[in-house]
PDB file of N, CA and C in Angstrom:
ATOM      1  N   MET A   1       0.624  -1.362   0.107  1.00  0.00           N
ATOM      2  CA  MET A   1      -0.077  -0.038   0.091  1.00  0.00           C
ATOM      3  C   MET A   1       1.032   1.304  -0.015  1.00  0.00           C
ATOM      4  N   PHE A   2       2.173   1.193   0.399  1.00  0.00           N
ATOM      5  CA  PHE A   2       2.821   2.364   0.896  1.00  0.00           C
ATOM      6  C   PHE A   2       3.352   2.619  -0.588  1.00  0.00           C
ATOM      7  N   ASP A   3       3.781   1.638  -1.370  1.00  0.00           N
ATOM      8  CA  ASP A   3       4.448   1.995  -2.743  1.00  0.00           C
ATOM      9  C   ASP A   3       3.164   2.790  -3.825  1.00  0.00           C
ATOM     10  N   LYS A   4       1.718   2.127  -3.627  1.00  0.00           N
ATOM     11  CA  LYS A   4       0.943   2.572  -4.275  1.00  0.00           C
ATOM     12  C   LYS A   4       0.699   3.986  -3.725  1.00  0.00           C
ATOM     13  N   LEU A   5       0.623   4.398  -2.684  1.00  0.00           N
ATOM     14  CA  LEU A   5       0.607   5.762  -2.127  1.00  0.00           C
ATOM     15  C   LEU A   5       1.473   6.713  -2.544  1.00  0.00           C
ATOM     16  N   VAL A   6       2.771   6.412  -2.739  1.00  0.00           N
ATOM     17  CA  VAL A   6       3.645   7.251  -3.211  1.00  0.00           C
ATOM     18  C   VAL A   6       3.504   7.415  -4.777  1.00  0.00           C
ATOM     19  N   GLU A   7       3.156   6.210  -5.613  1.00  0.00           N
ATOM     20  CA  GLU A   7       2.991   6.708  -6.704  1.00  0.00           C
ATOM     21  C   GLU A   7       1.876   7.631  -7.073  1.00  0.00           C
ATOM     22  N   ILE A   8       0.784   7.811  -6.280  1.00  0.00           N
ATOM     23  CA  ILE A   8      -0.413   8.648  -6.373  1.00  0.00           C
ATOM     24  C   ILE A   8       0.042   9.976  -5.816  1.00  0.00           C
ATOM     25  N   ILE A   9       1.079  10.121  -4.826  1.00  0.00           N
ATOM     26  CA  ILE A   9       1.443  11.220  -4.436  1.00  0.00           C
ATOM     27  C   ILE A   9       2.411  12.049  -5.505  1.00  0.00           C
ATOM     28  N   LEU A  10       3.298  10.851  -6.237  1.00  0.00           N
ATOM     29  CA  LEU A  10       4.161  11.672  -7.551  1.00  0.00           C
ATOM     30  C   LEU A  10       3.476  12.517  -8.337  1.00  0.00           C
ATOM     31  N   ASN A  11       2.070  12.120  -8.391  1.00  0.00           N
ATOM     32  CA  ASN A  11       1.309  12.621  -9.291  1.00  0.00           C
ATOM     33  C   ASN A  11       1.538  14.323  -9.264  1.00  0.00           C
ATOM     34  N   TYR A  12       1.503  14.681  -7.925  1.00  0.00           N
ATOM     35  CA  TYR A  12       1.285  16.047  -7.628  1.00  0.00           C
ATOM     36  C   TYR A  12       2.965  16.806  -7.432  1.00  0.00           C
ATOM     37  N   VAL A  13       3.648  16.042  -6.872  1.00  0.00           N
ATOM     38  CA  VAL A  13       4.842  16.682  -6.481  1.00  0.00           C
ATOM     39  C   VAL A  13       6.117  15.601  -7.014  1.00  0.00           C
ATOM     40  N   GLU A  14       7.002  16.746  -6.874  1.00  0.00           N
ATOM     41  CA  GLU A  14       8.355  16.120  -7.277  1.00  0.00           C
ATOM     42  C   GLU A  14       9.565  16.540  -6.138  1.00  0.00           C
ATOM     43  N   PRO A  15       9.258  15.422  -5.134  1.00  0.00           N
ATOM     44  CA  PRO A  15      10.177  15.972  -3.880  1.00  0.00           C
ATOM     45  C   PRO A  15      11.862  15.969  -3.961  1.00  0.00           C
ATOM     46  N   GLU A  16      12.432  16.717  -3.520  1.00  0.00           N
ATOM     47  CA  GLU A  16      13.741  16.504  -3.577  1.00  0.00           C
ATOM     48  C   GLU A  16      14.658  15.505  -3.342  1.00  0.00           C
ATOM     49  N   GLU A  17      13.978  14.654  -2.203  1.00  0.00           N
ATOM     50  CA  GLU A  17      14.524  13.454  -1.556  1.00  0.00           C
ATOM     51  C   GLU A  17      13.460  12.194  -1.663  1.00  0.00           C
ATOM     52  N   ASP A  18      13.874  11.041  -1.705  1.00  0.00           N
ATOM     53  CA  ASP A  18      12.763  10.292  -1.671  1.00  0.00           C
ATOM     54  C   ASP A  18      11.795  10.158  -0.687  1.00  0.00           C
ATOM     55  N   ILE A  19      10.633   9.621  -0.957  1.00  0.00           N
ATOM     56  CA  ILE A  19       9.496   9.623   0.141  1.00  0.00           C
ATOM     57  C   ILE A  19       9.758   8.229   0.743  1.00  0.00           C
ATOM     58  N   THR A  20       9.467   8.579   2.187  1.00  0.00           N
ATOM     59  CA  THR A  20       9.697   7.534   3.160  1.00  0.00           C
ATOM     60  C   THR A  20       8.421   7.653   4.160  1.00  0.00           C
ATOM     61  N   PRO A  21       8.167   6.552   4.880  1.00  0.00           N
ATOM     62  CA  PRO A  21       7.080   6.889   5.757  1.00  0.00           C
ATOM     63  C   PRO A  21       7.352   8.016   7.027  1.00  0.00           C
ATOM     64  N   GLU A  22       8.428   8.668   6.788  1.00  0.00           N
ATOM     65  CA  GLU A  22       8.460   9.716   7.808  1.00  0.00           C
ATOM     66  C   GLU A  22       8.482  10.966   7.174  1.00  0.00           C
ATOM     67  N   THR A  23       8.218  11.044   5.868  1.00  0.00           N
ATOM     68  CA  THR A  23       7.960  12.246   5.272  1.00  0.00           C
ATOM     69  C   THR A  23       6.577  12.920   5.730  1.00  0.00           C
ATOM     70  N   GLY A  24       6.795  14.128   5.834  1.00  0.00           N
ATOM     71  CA  GLY A  24       5.587  14.987   6.271  1.00  0.00           C
ATOM     72  C   GLY A  24       4.779  15.059   5.152  1.00  0.00           C
ATOM     73  N   ILE A  25       3.273  15.169   5.319  1.00  0.00           N
ATOM     74  CA  ILE A  25       2.307  15.029   4.060  1.00  0.00           C
ATOM     75  C   ILE A  25       2.452  16.460   3.733  1.00  0.00           C
ATOM     76  N   LYS A  26       2.359  17.742   4.559  1.00  0.00           N
ATOM     77  CA  LYS A  26       2.057  19.010   4.233  1.00  0.00           C
ATOM     78  C   LYS A  26       3.416  19.446   3.886  1.00  0.00           C
ATOM     79  N   ARG A  27       4.492  19.476   5.224  1.00  0.00           N
ATOM     80  CA  ARG A  27       5.451  20.459   5.145  1.00  0.00           C
ATOM     81  C   ARG A  27       6.649  19.387   4.279  1.00  0.00           C
ATOM     82  N   GLY A  28       6.756  18.048   4.148  1.00  0.00           N
ATOM     83  CA  GLY A  28       7.791  17.623   3.628  1.00  0.00           C
ATOM     84  C   GLY A  28       7.527  17.545   2.038  1.00  0.00           C
ATOM     85  N   LEU A  29       6.305  17.034   1.721  1.00  0.00           N
ATOM     86  CA  LEU A  29       5.931  17.395   0.093  1.00  0.00           C
ATOM     87  C   LEU A  29       5.147  18.527  -0.104  1.00  0.00           C
ATOM     88  N   ASN A  30       4.953  19.457   0.647  1.00  0.00           N
ATOM     89  CA  ASN A  30       4.817  20.832   0.331  1.00  0.00           C
ATOM     90  C   ASN A  30       3.481  20.807  -0.699  1.00  0.00           C
ATOM     91  N   LEU A  31       2.416  20.083  -0.207  1.00  0.00           N
ATOM     92  CA  LEU A  31       1.011  19.823  -0.870  1.00  0.00           C
ATOM     93  C   LEU A  31       0.317  21.043  -0.860  1.00  0.00           C
ATOM     94  N   SER A  32      -0.434  21.586  -1.373  1.00  0.00           N
ATOM     95  CA  SER A  32      -1.050  22.694  -1.086  1.00  0.00           C
ATOM     96  C   SER A  32      -2.763  22.183  -0.951  1.00  0.00           C
ATOM     97  N   SER A  33      -3.415  22.824  -0.429  1.00  0.00           N
ATOM     98  CA  SER A  33      -5.137  22.317  -0.182  1.00  0.00           C
ATOM     99  C   SER A  33      -5.501  21.578  -1.478  1.00  0.00           C
ATOM    100  N   PHE A  34      -5.473  22.552  -2.785  1.00  0.00           N
ATOM    101  CA  PHE A  34      -5.778  21.876  -3.667  1.00  0.00           C
ATOM    102  C   PHE A  34      -5.280  20.417  -4.263  1.00  0.00           C
ATOM    103  N   ASP A  35      -4.015  20.333  -3.685  1.00  0.00           N
ATOM    104  CA  ASP A  35      -3.339  19.091  -4.159  1.00  0.00           C
ATOM    105  C   ASP A  35      -4.013  18.336  -3.216  1.00  0.00           C
ATOM    106  N   LEU A  36      -4.256  18.287  -1.811  1.00  0.00           N
ATOM    107  CA  LEU A  36      -4.904  17.429  -0.756  1.00  0.00           C
ATOM    108  C   LEU A  36      -6.188  16.929  -1.274  1.00  0.00           C
ATOM    109  N   VAL A  37      -6.849  17.745  -1.698  1.00  0.00           N
ATOM    110  CA  VAL A  37      -8.397  17.554  -2.183  1.00  0.00           C
ATOM    111  C   VAL A  37      -8.049  16.414  -3.260  1.00  0.00           C
ATOM    112  N   CYS A  38      -7.373  16.583  -4.308  1.00  0.00           N
ATOM    113  CA  CYS A  38      -6.967  15.902  -5.640  1.00  0.00           C
ATOM    114  C   CYS A  38      -6.316  14.590  -5.234  1.00  0.00           C
ATOM    115  N   LEU A  39      -5.743  14.642  -4.318  1.00  0.00           N
ATOM    116  CA  LEU A  39      -5.072  13.286  -3.671  1.00  0.00           C
ATOM    117  C   LEU A  39      -6.009  12.418  -2.950  1.00  0.00           C
ATOM    118  N   SER A  40      -6.727  13.287  -2.117  1.00  0.00           N
ATOM    119  CA  SER A  40      -7.883  12.461  -1.499  1.00  0.00           C
ATOM    120  C   SER A  40      -8.932  11.835  -2.173  1.00  0.00           C
ATOM    121  N   ASP A  41      -9.159  12.331  -3.681  1.00  0.00           N
ATOM    122  CA  ASP A  41      -9.870  11.918  -4.348  1.00  0.00           C
ATOM    123  C   ASP A  41      -9.186  10.573  -4.998  1.00  0.00           C
ATOM    124  N   GLU A  42      -8.040  10.539  -5.339  1.00  0.00           N
ATOM    125  CA  GLU A  42      -7.264   9.413  -5.874  1.00  0.00           C
ATOM    126  C   GLU A  42      -7.401   8.477  -5.023  1.00  0.00           C
ATOM    127  N   ILE A  43      -6.894   8.488  -3.847  1.00  0.00           N
ATOM    128  CA  ILE A  43      -6.956   7.839  -2.827  1.00  0.00           C
ATOM    129  C   ILE A  43      -8.178   6.927  -2.562  1.00  0.00           C
ATOM    130  N   HIS A  44      -9.732   7.495  -2.591  1.00  0.00           N
ATOM    131  CA  HIS A  44     -10.796   7.279  -2.863  1.00  0.00           C
ATOM    132  C   HIS A  44     -11.212   6.423  -4.043  1.00  0.00           C
ATOM    133  N   GLN A  45     -10.726   6.874  -5.218  1.00  0.00           N
ATOM    134  CA  GLN A  45     -10.437   5.957  -6.191  1.00  0.00           C
ATOM    135  C   GLN A  45      -9.893   4.522  -6.345  1.00  0.00           C
ATOM    136  N   GLU A  46      -8.728   4.651  -5.660  1.00  0.00           N
ATOM    137  CA  GLU A  46      -7.699   3.528  -5.688  1.00  0.00           C
ATOM    138  C   GLU A  46      -8.225   2.522  -4.623  1.00  0.00           C
ATOM    139  N   PHE A  47      -8.450   3.038  -3.197  1.00  0.00           N
ATOM    140  CA  PHE A  47      -8.463   2.363  -2.411  1.00  0.00           C
ATOM    141  C   PHE A  47      -9.851   2.078  -1.416  1.00  0.00           C
ATOM    142  N   GLY A  48     -10.808   3.302  -2.160  1.00  0.00           N
ATOM    143  CA  GLY A  48     -12.125   3.037  -1.776  1.00  0.00           C
ATOM    144  C   GLY A  48     -12.170   3.855  -0.436  1.00  0.00           C
ATOM    145  N   VAL A  49     -11.370   4.463   0.023  1.00  0.00           N
ATOM    146  CA  VAL A  49     -11.462   5.076   1.538  1.00  0.00           C
ATOM    147  C   VAL A  49     -11.981   6.902   1.271  1.00  0.00           C
ATOM    148  N   VAL A  50     -12.515   7.171   1.758  1.00  0.00           N
ATOM    149  CA  VAL A  50     -12.789   8.378   1.968  1.00  0.00           C
ATOM    150  C   VAL A  50     -12.112   9.290   2.841  1.00  0.00           C
ATOM    151  N   LEU A  51     -11.153  10.109   2.627  1.00  0.00           N
ATOM    152  CA  LEU A  51     -10.487  10.940   3.646  1.00  0.00           C
ATOM    153  C   LEU A  51     -10.844  12.320   3.594  1.00  0.00           C
ATOM    154  N   GLY A  52     -10.972  13.392   4.858  1.00  0.00           N
ATOM    155  CA  GLY A  52     -11.197  14.231   4.705  1.00  0.00           C
ATOM    156  C   GLY A  52      -9.955  15.057   5.097  1.00  0.00           C
ATOM    157  N   ALA A  53     -10.108  16.391   5.549  1.00  0.00           N
ATOM    158  CA  ALA A  53      -9.075  17.206   6.001  1.00  0.00           C
ATOM    159  C   ALA A  53      -8.624  16.995   7.329  1.00  0.00           C
ATOM    160  N   ASP A  54      -9.361  16.520   8.192  1.00  0.00           N
ATOM    161  CA  ASP A  54      -9.006  16.171   9.717  1.00  0.00           C
ATOM    162  C   ASP A  54      -7.989  14.711   9.537  1.00  0.00           C
ATOM    163  N   ASP A  55      -8.454  13.862   8.649  1.00  0.00           N
ATOM    164  CA  ASP A  55      -7.364  12.628   8.388  1.00  0.00           C
ATOM    165  C   ASP A  55      -5.737  13.447   8.121  1.00  0.00           C
ATOM    166  N   PHE A  56      -6.103  14.209   7.190  1.00  0.00           N
ATOM    167  CA  PHE A  56      -4.847  14.845   6.615  1.00  0.00           C
ATOM    168  C   PHE A  56      -3.884  15.460   8.055  1.00  0.00           C
ATOM    169  N   ARG A  57      -4.458  16.251   8.731  1.00  0.00           N
ATOM    170  CA  ARG A  57      -4.156  16.782   9.929  1.00  0.00           C
ATOM    171  C   ARG A  57      -3.603  15.875  11.045  1.00  0.00           C
ATOM    172  N   GLU A  58      -4.491  14.727  11.402  1.00  0.00           N
ATOM    173  CA  GLU A  58      -4.159  13.710  12.203  1.00  0.00           C
ATOM    174  C   GLU A  58      -2.834  12.767  11.598  1.00  0.00           C
ATOM    175  N   CYS A  59      -2.941  12.782  10.389  1.00  0.00           N
ATOM    176  CA  CYS A  59      -1.978  11.765   9.905  1.00  0.00           C
ATOM    177  C   CYS A  59      -0.769  12.803   9.016  1.00  0.00           C
ATOM    178  N   GLU A  60       0.404  13.306  10.001  1.00  0.00           N
ATOM    179  CA  GLU A  60       1.045  14.059   9.571  1.00  0.00           C
ATOM    180  C   GLU A  60       1.968  13.559   8.743  1.00  0.00           C
ATOM    181  N   THR A  61       2.587  12.243   8.548  1.00  0.00           N
ATOM    182  CA  THR A  61       3.382  11.677   8.055  1.00  0.00           C
ATOM    183  C   THR A  61       2.752  10.621   6.695  1.00  0.00           C
ATOM    184  N   VAL A  62       3.600  10.297   5.821  1.00  0.00           N
ATOM    185  CA  VAL A  62       2.947   9.304   4.837  1.00  0.00           C
ATOM    186  C   VAL A  62       2.709   8.091   5.419  1.00  0.00           C
ATOM    187  N   GLY A  63       3.625   7.745   6.383  1.00  0.00           N
ATOM    188  CA  GLY A  63       3.350   6.374   7.200  1.00  0.00           C
ATOM    189  C   GLY A  63       2.092   6.117   8.020  1.00  0.00           C
ATOM    190  N   LYS A  64       1.803   7.308   8.693  1.00  0.00           N
ATOM    191  CA  LYS A  64       0.584   7.327   9.143  1.00  0.00           C
ATOM    192  C   LYS A  64      -0.758   7.644   8.287  1.00  0.00           C
ATOM    193  N   LEU A  65      -0.306   8.185   7.526  1.00  0.00           N
ATOM    194  CA  LEU A  65      -1.652   7.861   6.509  1.00  0.00           C
ATOM    195  C   LEU A  65      -1.638   6.370   6.019  1.00  0.00           C
ATOM    196  N   VAL A  66      -0.671   5.847   5.575  1.00  0.00           N
ATOM    197  CA  VAL A  66      -0.750   4.401   5.235  1.00  0.00           C
ATOM    198  C   VAL A  66      -1.598   3.573   6.350  1.00  0.00           C
ATOM    199  N   ALA A  67      -1.021   3.664   7.473  1.00  0.00           N
ATOM    200  CA  ALA A  67      -1.603   2.980   8.486  1.00  0.00           C
ATOM    201  C   ALA A  67      -3.169   3.253   8.816  1.00  0.00           C
ATOM    202  N   ARG A  68      -3.662   4.471   8.513  1.00  0.00           N
ATOM    203  CA  ARG A  68      -5.009   5.034   8.573  1.00  0.00           C
ATOM    204  C   ARG A  68      -5.860   4.362   7.195  1.00  0.00           C
ATOM    205  N   LEU A  69      -4.975   4.139   6.068  1.00  0.00           N
ATOM    206  CA  LEU A  69      -5.724   3.498   4.997  1.00  0.00           C
ATOM    207  C   LEU A  69      -5.769   2.018   5.191  1.00  0.00           C
ATOM    208  N   GLU A  70      -4.373   1.508   5.968  1.00  0.00           N
ATOM    209  CA  GLU A  70      -4.771  -0.246   6.167  1.00  0.00           C
ATOM    210  C   GLU A  70      -5.838  -0.521   7.160  1.00  0.00           C
ATOM    211  N   THR A  71      -6.376   0.451   8.136  1.00  0.00           N
ATOM    212  CA  THR A  71      -7.330   0.030   9.025  1.00  0.00           C
ATOM    213  C   THR A  71      -8.653   0.413   8.404  1.00  0.00           C
ATOM    214  N   ALA A  72      -8.805   1.204   7.364  1.00  0.00           N
ATOM    215  CA  ALA A  72      -9.976   1.545   6.788  1.00  0.00           C
ATOM    216  C   ALA A  72     -10.498   0.308   5.779  1.00  0.00           C
ATOM    217  N   VAL A  73      -9.319  -0.486   5.184  1.00  0.00           N
ATOM    218  CA  VAL A  73      -9.694  -1.249   3.806  1.00  0.00           C
ATOM    219  C   VAL A  73     -10.060  -2.299   4.438  1.00  0.00           C
TER     220      VAL A  73
END
């Protein structure tokens, strides 16, 4: 699931460093609010999980977002 999520994220950003589970979603990836909405839509299409703004605030890192998705699938 981590690799698929990274693949989706790479549709929106070109990070200077590799994305790891510790990479921050907002600060590490510099995703805009619009990017997060689009990312949320792609996550819904790929995994069938609906994420809201609170999910992105609570899941500060890519690893925490993966854990959230794994519990919802």
